[in-house]
């Protein structure tokens, strides 16, 4: 952690200065904004050693636990229950020790006189800056229950989308694995049963039969080398993909794939616009909302195209003039954002765009899966048929020779 010295303007318009501890300058800026301070200057100080956790918490909160905490807090605050009592009740009903330790830590901060935002700050890495900024906005405006409900809806939507993608891809992946294993088993165990018969034919065997026999020999005799080579290739590929250049090239390639690239773009833009819209709706400054929203883009190529929007808005230019990413295609997104800027309806327009991109992503994914499953079956059937026909061709050629 680093101690940053700052100068800024408080919510009452008065100048203020002080120090704040954060892992980076960007995090320090967001924390100050969450405290109602508009930073004018932030200077880094000396690094300090992060104190060790005393609660024994070694694992991160799961998404389901964050969602459960947020949903229950929203219900209790909607019933006008005091914050400390709500936390006590949640701690008593927590289903896991990890969640109970998290709530106990937050409760300790609240009972010590801190706000909910300040009590959640140690868990910023698990909750994310967007979560904390919205909590601070809700506490400042006196609408914490509303913000918690919005966060619950957003977390549920993200969880539903993730589960939809995983469940949709499960069957094609299983089908692909079965297809690959079926071909390997045929070549490794079935074809060798005919090897002695085929050896007596020599060069008189059909080309397809010789090809299948050679592939069978390659798998049986060099399977360890093939396995080691595949493992080494995966290791080198993963190390290269971990670099900035490698990840950028892979993500660009994924976005360029037919149909699948469109699905990826739509789902990424849906999360981005929803986050951006909710932050603006809660009164977060546009520059900071852009910085937080861009962190939701996991695709490096998309992120590289969208990141310059922060500098563009800071320079005083229109937001719509920066949406020139080639990944937007021929959509009307820039025009809609320009109209929203002129009418003052930017937040609702962004949320509408998020719903539109998510719906398009789901429809396209449905078409991709509808085409993928029969394609895998056809390819598998063709490979198995080729192997069987090659074996039968060899047997028939022996009969002809006799």
Protein backbone atom coordinates (compact mmCIF):
# COMPACT_ATOMS: atom_id res chain seq x y z
CA UNK A 1 0.00 0.00 0.00
CA UNK A 2 1.09 3.61 -0.64
CA UNK A 3 0.31 6.81 1.27
CA UNK A 4 -0.88 9.47 -1.19
CA UNK A 5 -1.01 13.18 -0.38
CA UNK A 6 -4.00 14.91 -1.95
CA UNK A 7 -5.57 18.32 -2.40
CA UNK A 8 -9.20 18.60 -3.39
CA UNK A 9 -12.63 20.13 -2.94
CA UNK A 10 -15.08 18.72 -0.40
CA UNK A 11 -18.79 18.27 -1.07
CA UNK A 12 -19.53 21.60 0.66
CA UNK A 13 -17.23 23.45 -1.77
CA UNK A 14 -14.38 23.98 0.69
CA UNK A 15 -10.75 23.18 -0.17
CA UNK A 16 -9.25 20.27 1.73
CA UNK A 17 -6.01 18.32 1.86
CA UNK A 18 -4.76 15.20 3.57
CA UNK A 19 -3.42 11.70 3.05
CA UNK A 20 -5.06 8.47 1.90
CA UNK A 21 -3.67 4.95 1.70
CA UNK A 22 -4.31 2.92 -1.46
CA UNK A 23 -2.50 0.39 -3.71
CA UNK A 24 -2.44 2.81 -6.67
CA UNK A 25 -3.11 6.42 -7.58
CA UNK A 26 -6.25 5.47 -9.51
CA UNK A 27 -7.66 3.61 -6.50
CA UNK A 28 -6.83 6.59 -4.26
CA UNK A 29 -8.74 8.87 -6.62
CA UNK A 30 -11.80 6.62 -6.62
CA UNK A 31 -11.75 6.34 -2.84
CA UNK A 32 -11.63 10.12 -2.49
CA UNK A 33 -14.56 10.50 -4.88
CA UNK A 34 -16.44 7.90 -2.86
CA UNK A 35 -15.84 10.04 0.25
CA UNK A 36 -17.36 13.07 -1.48
CA UNK A 37 -14.03 14.74 -2.28
CA UNK A 38 -13.15 15.89 -5.80
CA UNK A 39 -9.35 15.47 -6.04
CA UNK A 40 -7.35 18.27 -7.67
CA UNK A 41 -3.86 16.89 -7.07
CA UNK A 42 -2.64 13.50 -5.89
CA UNK A 43 1.03 12.81 -5.15
CA UNK A 44 2.45 9.43 -4.23
CA UNK A 45 4.27 9.00 -0.95
CA UNK A 46 6.38 6.28 0.57
CA UNK A 47 5.23 2.68 0.37
CA UNK A 48 4.06 1.05 3.55
CA UNK A 49 3.85 -2.57 4.52
CA UNK A 50 0.38 -3.99 4.36
CA UNK A 51 -0.63 -5.41 7.73
CA UNK A 52 -1.36 -9.11 7.84
CA UNK A 53 -4.96 -10.24 8.06
CA UNK A 54 -5.91 -11.15 11.60
CA UNK A 55 -9.17 -12.87 10.84
CA UNK A 56 -7.61 -15.80 9.08
CA UNK A 57 -9.36 -15.04 5.81
CA UNK A 58 -7.28 -16.72 3.12
CA UNK A 59 -9.81 -17.20 0.34
CA UNK A 60 -11.78 -14.71 -1.69
CA UNK A 61 -15.51 -14.37 -1.47
CA UNK A 62 -17.38 -16.23 -4.17
CA UNK A 63 -19.74 -14.41 -6.51
CA UNK A 64 -22.71 -16.25 -5.02
CA UNK A 65 -21.73 -15.06 -1.53
CA UNK A 66 -21.45 -11.44 -2.65
CA UNK A 67 -24.86 -11.72 -4.32
CA UNK A 68 -26.39 -13.31 -1.20
CA UNK A 69 -24.98 -10.58 1.06
CA UNK A 70 -26.21 -7.80 -1.24
CA UNK A 71 -29.69 -9.29 -1.70
CA UNK A 72 -30.25 -9.85 2.03
CA UNK A 73 -28.92 -6.39 2.89
CA UNK A 74 -31.30 -4.85 0.34
CA UNK A 75 -34.27 -6.66 1.92
CA UNK A 76 -33.32 -5.66 5.47
CA UNK A 77 -32.62 -2.02 4.61
CA UNK A 78 -35.89 -1.84 2.69
CA UNK A 79 -37.56 -2.84 5.96
CA UNK A 80 -35.80 0.15 7.62
CA UNK A 81 -33.65 -2.05 9.84
CA UNK A 82 -30.57 -0.28 11.31
CA UNK A 83 -27.32 -1.16 9.57
CA UNK A 84 -25.61 -2.73 12.59
CA UNK A 85 -28.62 -4.93 13.42
CA UNK A 86 -28.94 -5.99 9.78
CA UNK A 87 -25.30 -7.06 9.75
CA UNK A 88 -25.72 -8.97 13.03
CA UNK A 89 -28.70 -10.86 11.62
CA UNK A 90 -26.84 -11.67 8.40
CA UNK A 91 -23.83 -12.91 10.36
CA UNK A 92 -26.01 -15.29 12.37
CA UNK A 93 -27.64 -16.73 9.24
CA UNK A 94 -24.48 -16.89 7.07
CA UNK A 95 -24.16 -20.29 5.39
CA UNK A 96 -20.35 -20.40 5.15
CA UNK A 97 -17.53 -19.50 7.52
CA UNK A 98 -15.99 -17.34 4.83
CA UNK A 99 -19.13 -15.23 4.49
CA UNK A 100 -19.55 -15.07 8.28
CA UNK A 101 -15.97 -13.77 8.68
CA UNK A 102 -16.58 -11.16 5.97
CA UNK A 103 -19.80 -9.88 7.62
CA UNK A 104 -18.12 -9.88 11.04
CA UNK A 105 -15.34 -7.67 9.69
CA UNK A 106 -17.84 -5.27 8.11
CA UNK A 107 -19.93 -5.21 11.31
CA UNK A 108 -16.85 -4.41 13.35
CA UNK A 109 -16.17 -1.39 11.17
CA UNK A 110 -19.77 -0.15 11.33
CA UNK A 111 -19.92 -0.48 15.12
CA UNK A 112 -16.62 1.40 15.27
CA UNK A 113 -18.26 4.45 13.71
CA UNK A 114 -17.38 3.85 10.07
CA UNK A 115 -19.83 4.02 7.21
CA UNK A 116 -20.73 0.89 5.26
CA UNK A 117 -18.54 2.16 2.40
CA UNK A 118 -15.52 2.56 4.67
CA UNK A 119 -16.13 -0.85 6.26
CA UNK A 120 -16.22 -2.50 2.83
CA UNK A 121 -13.01 -0.82 1.59
CA UNK A 122 -10.70 -3.68 2.71
CA UNK A 123 -12.68 -5.96 0.38
CA UNK A 124 -12.35 -3.73 -2.70
CA UNK A 125 -10.46 -6.42 -4.61
CA UNK A 126 -13.40 -8.82 -4.25
CA UNK A 127 -16.31 -6.40 -4.59
CA UNK A 128 -14.83 -4.12 -7.25
CA UNK A 129 -14.66 -0.30 -7.42
CA UNK A 130 -18.11 -0.04 -9.00
CA UNK A 131 -19.75 -1.77 -6.03
CA UNK A 132 -18.06 0.53 -3.52
CA UNK A 133 -18.71 3.73 -5.46
CA UNK A 134 -22.41 2.89 -5.66
CA UNK A 135 -22.56 2.08 -1.94
CA UNK A 136 -20.97 5.47 -1.18
CA UNK A 137 -23.40 7.23 -3.51
CA UNK A 138 -26.33 5.50 -1.82
CA UNK A 139 -25.17 6.45 1.66
CA UNK A 140 -24.53 10.08 0.65
CA UNK A 141 -27.93 10.48 -1.00
CA UNK A 142 -29.81 8.56 1.68
CA UNK A 143 -30.95 5.89 -0.79
CA UNK A 144 -28.82 2.95 0.34
CA UNK A 145 -31.71 0.49 0.08
CA UNK A 146 -32.36 1.57 -3.53
CA UNK A 147 -28.68 1.20 -4.44
CA UNK A 148 -28.48 -2.23 -2.80
CA UNK A 149 -31.51 -3.32 -4.80
CA UNK A 150 -29.89 -2.04 -8.02
CA UNK A 151 -26.67 -3.88 -7.18
CA UNK A 152 -28.67 -7.04 -6.53
CA UNK A 153 -30.37 -6.78 -9.91
CA UNK A 154 -27.05 -6.16 -11.63
CA UNK A 155 -25.28 -9.05 -9.87
CA UNK A 156 -28.19 -11.39 -10.65
CA UNK A 157 -28.14 -10.33 -14.30
CA UNK A 158 -24.38 -10.92 -14.52
CA UNK A 159 -24.72 -14.29 -12.78
CA UNK A 160 -27.60 -15.32 -15.04
CA UNK A 161 -25.63 -14.34 -18.14
CA UNK A 162 -22.55 -16.25 -16.99
CA UNK A 163 -24.60 -19.36 -16.17
CA UNK A 164 -26.34 -19.12 -19.55
CA UNK A 165 -23.01 -19.05 -21.38
CA UNK A 166 -21.59 -21.95 -19.35
CA UNK A 167 -24.68 -24.14 -19.68
CA UNK A 168 -24.99 -23.35 -23.39
CA UNK A 169 -21.39 -24.37 -24.08
CA UNK A 170 -21.48 -27.51 -21.91
CA UNK A 171 -23.08 -29.87 -24.44
CA UNK A 172 -20.94 -28.82 -27.46
CA UNK A 173 -17.75 -29.15 -25.40
CA UNK A 174 -18.73 -32.64 -24.14
CA UNK A 175 -19.65 -33.63 -27.68
CA UNK A 176 -16.30 -32.39 -29.01
CA UNK A 177 -14.35 -34.28 -26.31
CA UNK A 178 -16.27 -37.49 -27.04
CA UNK A 179 -15.61 -37.06 -30.76
CA UNK A 180 -11.86 -36.66 -30.27
CA UNK A 181 -11.66 -39.61 -27.84
CA UNK A 182 -13.69 -41.82 -30.19
CA UNK A 183 -11.29 -41.21 -33.08
CA UNK A 184 -8.23 -41.78 -30.85
CA UNK A 185 -9.68 -45.06 -29.51
CA UNK A 186 -10.41 -46.29 -33.02
CA UNK A 187 -6.87 -45.54 -34.17
CA UNK A 188 -5.20 -46.87 -31.03
CA UNK A 189 -7.15 -50.09 -30.43
CA UNK A 190 -9.32 -51.05 -33.41
CA UNK A 191 -7.03 -50.44 -36.38
CA UNK A 192 -4.08 -52.41 -34.86
CA UNK A 193 -6.24 -55.56 -34.87
CA UNK A 194 -5.98 -55.57 -38.69
CA UNK A 195 -2.28 -54.69 -38.81
CA UNK A 196 -0.95 -58.23 -39.40
CA UNK A 197 -3.40 -58.79 -42.24
CA UNK A 198 -2.49 -55.49 -43.90
CA UNK A 199 1.28 -56.04 -43.56
CA UNK A 200 1.11 -58.94 -46.01
CA UNK A 201 -0.27 -56.63 -48.70
CA UNK A 202 2.60 -54.13 -48.68
CA UNK A 203 2.15 -51.32 -51.21
CA UNK A 204 -0.97 -52.92 -52.68
CA UNK A 205 -3.12 -51.48 -49.91
CA UNK A 206 -5.32 -48.52 -50.84
CA UNK A 207 -3.88 -45.11 -49.95
CA UNK A 208 -6.64 -44.40 -47.40
CA UNK A 209 -5.91 -47.67 -45.59
CA UNK A 210 -2.17 -46.96 -45.45
CA UNK A 211 -2.89 -43.46 -44.12
CA UNK A 212 -5.09 -44.80 -41.32
CA UNK A 213 -2.52 -47.49 -40.42
CA UNK A 214 0.30 -44.92 -40.30
CA UNK A 215 -1.77 -42.66 -38.04
CA UNK A 216 -2.50 -45.63 -35.78
CA UNK A 217 1.23 -46.45 -35.57
CA UNK A 218 2.04 -42.83 -34.78
CA UNK A 219 -0.41 -42.74 -31.87
CA UNK A 220 0.55 -46.15 -30.44
CA UNK A 221 4.35 -45.83 -30.71
CA UNK A 222 4.83 -42.14 -30.00
CA UNK A 223 1.95 -41.28 -27.69
CA UNK A 224 4.30 -40.12 -24.94
CA UNK A 225 6.13 -37.79 -27.31
CA UNK A 226 2.82 -36.50 -28.67
CA UNK A 227 1.53 -35.92 -25.14
CA UNK A 228 4.73 -34.16 -24.10
CA UNK A 229 4.66 -32.03 -27.24
CA UNK A 230 1.03 -31.05 -26.69
CA UNK A 231 1.77 -30.20 -23.04
CA UNK A 232 4.81 -28.13 -24.01
CA UNK A 233 2.84 -26.35 -26.70
CA UNK A 234 0.06 -25.52 -24.24
CA UNK A 235 2.60 -24.26 -21.69
CA UNK A 236 4.39 -22.02 -24.18
CA UNK A 237 1.06 -20.83 -25.57
CA UNK A 238 -0.26 -19.98 -22.10
CA UNK A 239 2.91 -18.05 -21.26
CA UNK A 240 2.66 -16.12 -24.53
CA UNK A 241 -1.05 -15.49 -23.98
CA UNK A 242 -0.22 -14.03 -20.55
CA UNK A 243 1.84 -11.26 -22.18
CA UNK A 244 0.14 -8.04 -23.27
CA UNK A 245 0.97 -8.56 -26.93
CA UNK A 246 -0.10 -12.19 -26.93
CA UNK A 247 -3.38 -11.54 -25.19
CA UNK A 248 -4.13 -8.65 -27.56
CA UNK A 249 -3.56 -10.84 -30.62
CA UNK A 250 -5.63 -13.72 -29.23
CA UNK A 251 -8.50 -11.43 -28.24
CA UNK A 252 -8.42 -9.74 -31.65
CA UNK A 253 -8.55 -13.18 -33.29
CA UNK A 254 -11.52 -14.20 -31.13
CA UNK A 255 -13.43 -11.05 -32.07
CA UNK A 256 -12.82 -11.79 -35.74
CA UNK A 257 -14.32 -15.29 -35.62
CA UNK A 258 -17.60 -15.74 -37.52
CA UNK A 259 -20.67 -15.60 -35.26
CA UNK A 260 -18.68 -16.38 -32.09
CA UNK A 261 -16.87 -13.04 -32.36
CA UNK A 262 -20.21 -11.26 -32.60
CA UNK A 263 -21.47 -13.06 -29.49
CA UNK A 264 -18.36 -12.04 -27.57
CA UNK A 265 -18.61 -8.39 -28.68
CA UNK A 266 -22.29 -8.12 -27.78
CA UNK A 267 -21.92 -9.66 -24.32
CA UNK A 268 -18.88 -7.49 -23.53
CA UNK A 269 -20.65 -4.31 -24.62
CA UNK A 270 -23.75 -5.30 -22.61
CA UNK A 271 -21.75 -5.45 -19.36
CA UNK A 272 -19.85 -2.26 -20.21
CA UNK A 273 -22.89 -0.12 -21.03
CA UNK A 274 -24.88 -1.43 -18.04
CA UNK A 275 -22.07 -0.57 -15.63
CA UNK A 276 -21.54 2.85 -17.23
CA UNK A 277 -25.28 3.65 -17.13
CA UNK A 278 -25.78 2.63 -13.49
CA UNK A 279 -22.78 4.69 -12.35
CA UNK A 280 -24.07 7.79 -14.15
CA UNK A 281 -27.55 7.18 -12.74
CA UNK A 282 -26.12 7.27 -9.23
CA UNK A 283 -24.35 10.60 -9.80
CA UNK A 284 -20.80 9.35 -10.37
CA UNK A 285 -18.78 11.82 -12.54
CA UNK A 286 -18.51 10.72 -16.16
CA UNK A 287 -14.70 10.42 -16.22
CA UNK A 288 -14.72 8.16 -13.17
CA UNK A 289 -17.67 6.16 -14.49
CA UNK A 290 -15.74 5.58 -17.71
CA UNK A 291 -12.66 4.43 -15.78
CA UNK A 292 -14.66 1.96 -13.72
CA UNK A 293 -16.78 0.69 -16.62
CA UNK A 294 -13.76 -0.05 -18.82
CA UNK A 295 -12.49 -2.47 -16.14
CA UNK A 296 -15.46 -4.71 -16.94
CA UNK A 297 -14.07 -5.36 -20.44
CA UNK A 298 -12.06 -8.57 -20.24
CA UNK A 299 -11.21 -8.57 -23.95
CA UNK A 300 -7.93 -6.68 -24.44
CA UNK A 301 -8.74 -5.61 -28.02
CA UNK A 302 -12.07 -4.06 -27.01
CA UNK A 303 -10.48 -2.46 -23.97
CA UNK A 304 -7.78 -0.88 -26.12
CA UNK A 305 -10.45 0.71 -28.34
CA UNK A 306 -12.60 1.99 -25.46
CA UNK A 307 -9.91 3.25 -23.06
CA UNK A 308 -9.20 6.49 -25.04
CA UNK A 309 -12.74 7.68 -24.17
CA UNK A 310 -11.45 8.79 -20.75
CA UNK A 311 -8.90 11.18 -22.24
CA UNK A 312 -11.43 12.36 -24.81
CA UNK A 313 -13.99 13.36 -22.17
CA UNK A 314 -11.32 14.95 -19.97
CA UNK A 315 -10.34 17.10 -22.96
CA UNK A 316 -13.91 18.42 -23.10
CA UNK A 317 -15.03 16.58 -26.22
CA UNK A 318 -18.30 14.76 -26.76
CA UNK A 319 -18.51 11.16 -25.59
CA UNK A 320 -20.24 10.08 -28.81
CA UNK A 321 -17.31 11.27 -30.93
CA UNK A 322 -15.10 8.61 -29.32
CA UNK A 323 -17.26 5.60 -30.14
CA UNK A 324 -15.51 4.84 -33.41
CA UNK A 325 -14.42 1.30 -32.58
CA UNK A 326 -14.51 -1.01 -35.64
CA UNK A 327 -16.02 -3.64 -33.35
CA UNK A 328 -19.22 -1.58 -33.13
CA UNK A 329 -19.76 -2.30 -36.82
CA UNK A 330 -22.58 -0.40 -38.50
CA UNK A 331 -24.66 -0.07 -35.32
CA UNK A 332 -26.47 3.10 -34.36
CA UNK A 333 -24.77 3.24 -30.95
CA UNK A 334 -22.75 6.47 -31.58
CA UNK A 335 -25.84 8.26 -32.92
CA UNK A 336 -27.97 7.16 -29.95
CA UNK A 337 -25.32 8.33 -27.49
CA UNK A 338 -25.06 11.69 -29.27
CA UNK A 339 -28.83 12.21 -29.07
CA UNK A 340 -28.78 11.13 -25.39
CA UNK A 341 -26.07 13.71 -24.63
CA UNK A 342 -28.17 16.44 -26.22
CA UNK A 343 -31.37 15.45 -24.38
CA UNK A 344 -29.72 14.67 -21.02
CA UNK A 345 -30.88 11.03 -21.04
CA UNK A 346 -27.45 9.41 -21.27
CA UNK A 347 -27.85 7.03 -18.31
CA UNK A 348 -31.17 5.56 -19.46
CA UNK A 349 -29.90 5.31 -23.05
CA UNK A 350 -26.81 3.39 -21.90
CA UNK A 351 -28.98 0.96 -19.92
CA UNK A 352 -31.18 0.49 -22.99
CA UNK A 353 -28.10 -0.22 -25.11
CA UNK A 354 -26.96 -2.80 -22.54
CA UNK A 355 -30.29 -4.65 -22.82
CA UNK A 356 -30.13 -4.50 -26.62
CA UNK A 357 -26.59 -5.89 -26.81
CA UNK A 358 -27.40 -8.66 -24.33
CA UNK A 359 -30.50 -9.71 -26.30
CA UNK A 360 -28.51 -9.73 -29.55
CA UNK A 361 -25.74 -11.73 -27.89
CA UNK A 362 -28.20 -14.35 -26.64
CA UNK A 363 -29.89 -14.68 -30.03
CA UNK A 364 -26.57 -14.99 -31.86
CA UNK A 365 -25.34 -17.56 -29.35
CA UNK A 366 -28.49 -19.58 -29.97
CA UNK A 367 -27.70 -19.61 -33.69
CA UNK A 368 -24.06 -20.54 -33.02
CA UNK A 369 -25.06 -23.48 -30.82
CA UNK A 370 -27.73 -24.57 -33.29
CA UNK A 371 -25.03 -24.76 -35.98
CA UNK A 372 -22.24 -26.12 -33.80
CA UNK A 373 -23.89 -29.28 -32.49
CA UNK A 374 -24.84 -30.84 -35.87
CA UNK A 375 -21.48 -29.70 -37.29
CA UNK A 376 -19.57 -31.63 -34.63
CA UNK A 377 -21.75 -34.69 -35.20
CA UNK A 378 -21.23 -34.50 -38.98
CA UNK A 379 -17.43 -34.13 -38.62
CA UNK A 380 -17.29 -36.99 -36.11
CA UNK A 381 -19.41 -39.19 -38.36
CA UNK A 382 -17.23 -38.37 -41.36
CA UNK A 383 -13.99 -39.23 -39.51
CA UNK A 384 -15.37 -42.52 -38.14
CA UNK A 385 -16.82 -43.40 -41.54
CA UNK A 386 -13.45 -42.66 -43.21
CA UNK A 387 -11.62 -44.98 -40.76
CA UNK A 388 -14.16 -47.78 -41.18
CA UNK A 389 -14.21 -47.45 -44.99
CA UNK A 390 -10.39 -47.46 -45.03
CA UNK A 391 -10.33 -50.71 -43.03
CA UNK A 392 -13.00 -52.32 -45.20
CA UNK A 393 -11.15 -51.14 -48.31
CA UNK A 394 -8.03 -52.93 -47.09
CA UNK A 395 -9.94 -56.14 -46.36
CA UNK A 396 -11.65 -56.07 -49.77
CA UNK A 397 -8.34 -55.46 -51.53
CA UNK A 398 -6.98 -58.64 -49.85
CA UNK A 399 -9.93 -60.65 -51.16
CA UNK A 400 -9.37 -59.29 -54.65
CA UNK A 401 -5.69 -60.27 -54.50
CA UNK A 402 -6.57 -63.80 -53.37
